[in-house]
């Protein structure tokens, strides 16, 4: 869990993903299209990815755990939460508040 906390604290937006996950790709693409330079951690490519995945599963109490998005060091959620915020016009203000957007 310490590794996850450290990674989450290093950038305004952090995404935990699996490289072959199409839903993860959708979330990463949305953030990219909004101009966010998110730190993306592909758990299947990380040396301690399995350990991080287990820590995230404990945190969110569900499996699979990806995609999982943190904004401003706080857990925001998965695809459903990100899309809901976006469609409701609340994602961009949240990203601005976290310093993830420069415009």
N, C-alpha and C. Protein backbone atom coordinates (compact mmCIF):
# COMPACT_ATOMS: atom_id res chain seq x y z
N UNK A 1 0.82 -1.19 0.00
CA UNK A 1 0.00 0.00 0.00
C UNK A 1 0.87 1.26 0.00
N UNK A 2 2.04 1.19 0.61
CA UNK A 2 2.94 2.35 0.65
C UNK A 2 3.35 2.78 -0.75
N UNK A 3 3.61 1.81 -1.62
CA UNK A 3 3.99 2.11 -3.00
C UNK A 3 2.85 2.85 -3.71
N UNK A 4 1.63 2.39 -3.50
CA UNK A 4 0.46 3.03 -4.12
C UNK A 4 0.32 4.46 -3.61
N UNK A 5 0.40 4.64 -2.32
CA UNK A 5 0.28 6.00 -1.74
C UNK A 5 1.35 6.94 -2.29
N UNK A 6 2.56 6.43 -2.41
CA UNK A 6 3.65 7.26 -2.94
C UNK A 6 3.38 7.67 -4.39
N UNK A 7 2.96 6.72 -5.21
CA UNK A 7 2.67 7.03 -6.61
C UNK A 7 1.53 8.02 -6.74
N UNK A 8 0.49 7.86 -5.94
CA UNK A 8 -0.69 8.73 -6.00
C UNK A 8 -0.32 10.16 -5.60
N UNK A 9 0.64 10.32 -4.73
CA UNK A 9 1.01 11.65 -4.25
C UNK A 9 1.93 12.41 -5.20
N UNK A 10 2.45 11.74 -6.21
CA UNK A 10 3.46 12.35 -7.07
C UNK A 10 2.91 13.15 -8.25
N UNK A 11 1.66 12.94 -8.62
CA UNK A 11 1.08 13.64 -9.77
C UNK A 11 -0.34 14.04 -9.47
N UNK A 12 -0.84 15.03 -10.22
CA UNK A 12 -2.21 15.50 -10.04
C UNK A 12 -3.23 14.43 -10.42
N UNK A 13 -2.93 13.66 -11.44
CA UNK A 13 -3.82 12.58 -11.87
C UNK A 13 -3.02 11.30 -12.03
N UNK A 14 -3.48 10.25 -11.39
CA UNK A 14 -2.82 8.95 -11.46
C UNK A 14 -3.86 7.91 -11.85
N UNK A 15 -3.51 7.10 -12.84
CA UNK A 15 -4.40 6.05 -13.32
C UNK A 15 -3.69 4.71 -13.16
N UNK A 16 -4.36 3.76 -12.52
CA UNK A 16 -3.88 2.40 -12.46
C UNK A 16 -4.67 1.62 -13.49
N UNK A 17 -3.96 0.88 -14.33
CA UNK A 17 -4.55 0.28 -15.51
C UNK A 17 -3.92 -1.08 -15.78
N UNK A 18 -4.46 -1.77 -16.75
CA UNK A 18 -3.84 -2.96 -17.32
C UNK A 18 -3.78 -2.71 -18.82
N UNK A 19 -2.63 -2.93 -19.40
CA UNK A 19 -2.38 -2.52 -20.78
C UNK A 19 -3.35 -3.10 -21.80
N UNK A 20 -3.89 -4.28 -21.56
CA UNK A 20 -4.80 -4.91 -22.53
C UNK A 20 -6.28 -4.63 -22.26
N UNK A 21 -6.57 -3.80 -21.27
CA UNK A 21 -7.96 -3.54 -20.88
C UNK A 21 -8.56 -2.41 -21.74
N UNK A 22 -9.61 -2.73 -22.50
CA UNK A 22 -10.21 -1.73 -23.39
C UNK A 22 -10.93 -0.64 -22.60
N UNK A 23 -11.49 -0.96 -21.45
CA UNK A 23 -12.16 0.05 -20.64
C UNK A 23 -11.13 1.01 -20.04
N UNK A 24 -9.98 0.46 -19.65
CA UNK A 24 -8.88 1.31 -19.16
C UNK A 24 -8.45 2.28 -20.26
N UNK A 25 -8.37 1.77 -21.48
CA UNK A 25 -7.97 2.60 -22.62
C UNK A 25 -8.95 3.76 -22.81
N UNK A 26 -10.22 3.51 -22.62
CA UNK A 26 -11.24 4.55 -22.76
C UNK A 26 -11.02 5.67 -21.75
N UNK A 27 -10.77 5.32 -20.51
CA UNK A 27 -10.54 6.33 -19.47
C UNK A 27 -9.26 7.10 -19.75
N UNK A 28 -8.19 6.40 -20.11
CA UNK A 28 -6.92 7.07 -20.42
C UNK A 28 -7.07 8.01 -21.61
N UNK A 29 -7.82 7.57 -22.62
CA UNK A 29 -8.05 8.41 -23.80
C UNK A 29 -8.85 9.66 -23.46
N UNK A 30 -9.87 9.52 -22.65
CA UNK A 30 -10.66 10.68 -22.24
C UNK A 30 -9.78 11.70 -21.53
N UNK A 31 -9.01 11.24 -20.57
CA UNK A 31 -8.13 12.16 -19.83
C UNK A 31 -7.13 12.83 -20.77
N UNK A 32 -6.56 12.06 -21.67
CA UNK A 32 -5.61 12.61 -22.64
C UNK A 32 -6.28 13.66 -23.53
N UNK A 33 -7.47 13.34 -24.01
CA UNK A 33 -8.20 14.27 -24.88
C UNK A 33 -8.57 15.57 -24.15
N UNK A 34 -8.72 15.50 -22.84
CA UNK A 34 -9.00 16.70 -22.04
C UNK A 34 -7.73 17.51 -21.75
N UNK A 35 -6.59 16.96 -22.14
CA UNK A 35 -5.33 17.66 -21.93
C UNK A 35 -4.61 17.30 -20.65
N UNK A 36 -4.99 16.20 -20.05
CA UNK A 36 -4.39 15.76 -18.79
C UNK A 36 -3.15 14.91 -19.08
N UNK A 37 -2.07 15.23 -18.40
CA UNK A 37 -0.86 14.42 -18.50
C UNK A 37 -0.81 13.52 -17.26
N UNK A 38 -1.61 12.49 -17.30
CA UNK A 38 -1.74 11.60 -16.14
C UNK A 38 -0.54 10.66 -16.03
N UNK A 39 -0.21 10.30 -14.81
CA UNK A 39 0.76 9.23 -14.58
C UNK A 39 -0.03 7.93 -14.69
N UNK A 40 0.33 7.11 -15.64
CA UNK A 40 -0.38 5.86 -15.88
C UNK A 40 0.53 4.71 -15.44
N UNK A 41 0.00 3.88 -14.58
CA UNK A 41 0.74 2.72 -14.10
C UNK A 41 0.03 1.46 -14.58
N UNK A 42 0.65 0.81 -15.56
CA UNK A 42 0.12 -0.44 -16.12
C UNK A 42 0.53 -1.56 -15.18
N UNK A 43 -0.41 -2.06 -14.42
CA UNK A 43 -0.09 -3.05 -13.38
C UNK A 43 0.51 -4.32 -13.94
N UNK A 44 0.16 -4.68 -15.17
CA UNK A 44 0.72 -5.89 -15.77
C UNK A 44 2.15 -5.68 -16.28
N UNK A 45 2.63 -4.44 -16.25
CA UNK A 45 3.98 -4.14 -16.70
C UNK A 45 4.89 -3.65 -15.57
N UNK A 46 4.31 -3.41 -14.42
CA UNK A 46 5.07 -2.94 -13.24
C UNK A 46 5.71 -4.13 -12.53
N UNK A 47 6.96 -3.97 -12.08
CA UNK A 47 7.61 -5.06 -11.34
C UNK A 47 6.83 -5.48 -10.09
N UNK A 48 6.21 -4.54 -9.41
CA UNK A 48 5.42 -4.85 -8.22
C UNK A 48 3.93 -4.68 -8.49
N UNK A 49 3.54 -4.89 -9.73
CA UNK A 49 2.16 -4.67 -10.15
C UNK A 49 1.15 -5.55 -9.44
N UNK A 50 1.47 -6.80 -9.25
CA UNK A 50 0.56 -7.72 -8.58
C UNK A 50 0.31 -7.28 -7.15
N UNK A 51 1.38 -6.85 -6.49
CA UNK A 51 1.28 -6.36 -5.10
C UNK A 51 0.43 -5.09 -5.04
N UNK A 52 0.63 -4.18 -6.00
CA UNK A 52 -0.16 -2.95 -6.04
C UNK A 52 -1.63 -3.26 -6.33
N UNK A 53 -1.87 -4.22 -7.21
CA UNK A 53 -3.25 -4.59 -7.53
C UNK A 53 -3.98 -5.12 -6.29
N UNK A 54 -3.29 -5.91 -5.49
CA UNK A 54 -3.88 -6.44 -4.26
C UNK A 54 -4.18 -5.30 -3.27
N UNK A 55 -3.27 -4.35 -3.16
CA UNK A 55 -3.48 -3.20 -2.26
C UNK A 55 -4.67 -2.37 -2.73
N UNK A 56 -4.79 -2.16 -4.03
CA UNK A 56 -5.91 -1.41 -4.58
C UNK A 56 -7.23 -2.15 -4.37
N UNK A 57 -7.21 -3.48 -4.50
CA UNK A 57 -8.42 -4.28 -4.29
C UNK A 57 -8.92 -4.13 -2.85
N UNK A 58 -8.01 -4.07 -1.90
CA UNK A 58 -8.40 -3.86 -0.50
C UNK A 58 -9.01 -2.46 -0.34
N UNK A 59 -8.41 -1.49 -1.00
CA UNK A 59 -8.87 -0.11 -0.91
C UNK A 59 -10.29 0.06 -1.46
N UNK A 60 -10.55 -0.51 -2.61
CA UNK A 60 -11.85 -0.30 -3.27
C UNK A 60 -12.84 -1.44 -3.04
N UNK A 61 -12.38 -2.51 -2.46
CA UNK A 61 -13.23 -3.66 -2.13
C UNK A 61 -13.98 -4.22 -3.33
N UNK A 62 -13.27 -4.32 -4.44
CA UNK A 62 -13.87 -4.94 -5.61
C UNK A 62 -12.77 -5.49 -6.52
N UNK A 63 -13.18 -6.35 -7.41
CA UNK A 63 -12.25 -6.92 -8.36
C UNK A 63 -12.99 -7.08 -9.68
N UNK A 64 -12.48 -6.69 -10.81
CA UNK A 64 -11.15 -6.13 -11.02
C UNK A 64 -11.07 -4.69 -10.52
N UNK A 65 -9.87 -4.27 -10.24
CA UNK A 65 -9.68 -2.95 -9.65
C UNK A 65 -9.42 -1.86 -10.68
N UNK A 66 -9.16 -2.26 -11.91
CA UNK A 66 -8.80 -1.27 -12.92
C UNK A 66 -9.94 -1.02 -13.89
N UNK A 67 -9.98 0.16 -14.47
CA UNK A 67 -9.12 1.30 -14.20
C UNK A 67 -9.50 1.96 -12.88
N UNK A 68 -8.52 2.55 -12.26
CA UNK A 68 -8.75 3.27 -11.01
C UNK A 68 -8.05 4.62 -11.11
N UNK A 69 -8.80 5.70 -10.88
CA UNK A 69 -8.29 7.04 -11.08
C UNK A 69 -8.25 7.80 -9.76
N UNK A 70 -7.11 8.44 -9.54
CA UNK A 70 -6.92 9.34 -8.40
C UNK A 70 -6.70 10.74 -8.96
N UNK A 71 -7.38 11.71 -8.40
CA UNK A 71 -7.21 13.11 -8.82
C UNK A 71 -6.92 13.92 -7.57
N UNK A 72 -5.82 14.67 -7.62
CA UNK A 72 -5.43 15.47 -6.48
C UNK A 72 -5.14 14.62 -5.25
N UNK A 73 -4.63 13.41 -5.47
CA UNK A 73 -4.29 12.52 -4.37
C UNK A 73 -5.46 11.79 -3.77
N UNK A 74 -6.66 12.01 -4.30
CA UNK A 74 -7.86 11.37 -3.75
C UNK A 74 -8.43 10.37 -4.74
N UNK A 75 -8.90 9.27 -4.21
CA UNK A 75 -9.54 8.26 -5.04
C UNK A 75 -10.84 8.83 -5.60
N UNK A 76 -10.95 8.84 -6.93
CA UNK A 76 -12.18 9.29 -7.57
C UNK A 76 -13.02 8.07 -7.96
N UNK A 77 -12.37 7.07 -8.52
CA UNK A 77 -13.09 5.85 -8.85
C UNK A 77 -12.70 5.26 -10.17
N UNK A 78 -13.60 4.48 -10.70
CA UNK A 78 -13.38 3.75 -11.93
C UNK A 78 -14.12 4.41 -13.09
N UNK A 79 -14.28 3.67 -14.13
CA UNK A 79 -14.89 4.18 -15.36
C UNK A 79 -16.25 4.82 -15.13
N UNK A 80 -17.11 4.15 -14.38
CA UNK A 80 -18.45 4.68 -14.18
C UNK A 80 -18.43 6.05 -13.51
N UNK A 81 -17.58 6.22 -12.53
CA UNK A 81 -17.49 7.50 -11.82
C UNK A 81 -16.88 8.59 -12.70
N UNK A 82 -15.83 8.25 -13.43
CA UNK A 82 -15.17 9.23 -14.31
C UNK A 82 -16.14 9.68 -15.40
N UNK A 83 -16.83 8.74 -16.02
CA UNK A 83 -17.77 9.09 -17.09
C UNK A 83 -18.95 9.89 -16.54
N UNK A 84 -19.42 9.54 -15.37
CA UNK A 84 -20.52 10.28 -14.75
C UNK A 84 -20.10 11.72 -14.47
N UNK A 85 -18.92 11.91 -13.93
CA UNK A 85 -18.41 13.26 -13.68
C UNK A 85 -18.27 14.03 -14.98
N UNK A 86 -17.76 13.37 -16.01
CA UNK A 86 -17.55 14.03 -17.30
C UNK A 86 -18.89 14.45 -17.92
N UNK A 87 -19.84 13.53 -17.96
CA UNK A 87 -21.13 13.84 -18.56
C UNK A 87 -21.90 14.89 -17.76
N UNK A 88 -21.65 14.95 -16.47
CA UNK A 88 -22.30 15.93 -15.61
C UNK A 88 -21.57 17.27 -15.57
N UNK A 89 -20.49 17.40 -16.33
CA UNK A 89 -19.75 18.65 -16.38
C UNK A 89 -18.91 18.92 -15.14
N UNK A 90 -18.63 17.90 -14.36
CA UNK A 90 -17.89 18.10 -13.11
C UNK A 90 -16.44 17.62 -13.17
N UNK A 91 -16.08 16.87 -14.21
CA UNK A 91 -14.72 16.34 -14.29
C UNK A 91 -13.70 17.44 -14.56
N UNK A 92 -13.96 18.29 -15.53
CA UNK A 92 -13.00 19.35 -15.87
C UNK A 92 -12.75 20.29 -14.69
N UNK A 93 -13.79 20.75 -13.98
CA UNK A 93 -13.51 21.58 -12.80
C UNK A 93 -12.69 20.85 -11.74
N UNK A 94 -12.94 19.57 -11.56
CA UNK A 94 -12.17 18.77 -10.61
C UNK A 94 -10.70 18.69 -11.03
N UNK A 95 -10.48 18.52 -12.32
CA UNK A 95 -9.12 18.47 -12.85
C UNK A 95 -8.41 19.82 -12.70
N UNK A 96 -9.15 20.90 -12.95
CA UNK A 96 -8.59 22.25 -12.76
C UNK A 96 -8.19 22.46 -11.31
N UNK A 97 -9.07 22.09 -10.41
CA UNK A 97 -8.83 22.26 -8.98
C UNK A 97 -7.58 21.50 -8.52
N UNK A 98 -7.33 20.36 -9.15
CA UNK A 98 -6.17 19.53 -8.79
C UNK A 98 -4.89 20.00 -9.48
N UNK A 99 -5.02 20.97 -10.39
CA UNK A 99 -3.85 21.47 -11.10
C UNK A 99 -3.44 20.57 -12.27
N UNK A 100 -4.39 19.78 -12.76
CA UNK A 100 -4.10 18.85 -13.84
C UNK A 100 -4.31 19.46 -15.22
N UNK A 101 -4.99 20.61 -15.28
CA UNK A 101 -5.23 21.31 -16.55
C UNK A 101 -4.65 22.70 -16.47
N UNK A 102 -4.07 23.13 -17.56
CA UNK A 102 -3.42 24.44 -17.56
C UNK A 102 -4.25 25.50 -18.25
N UNK A 103 -5.32 25.10 -18.91
CA UNK A 103 -6.16 26.06 -19.64
C UNK A 103 -7.40 26.38 -18.86
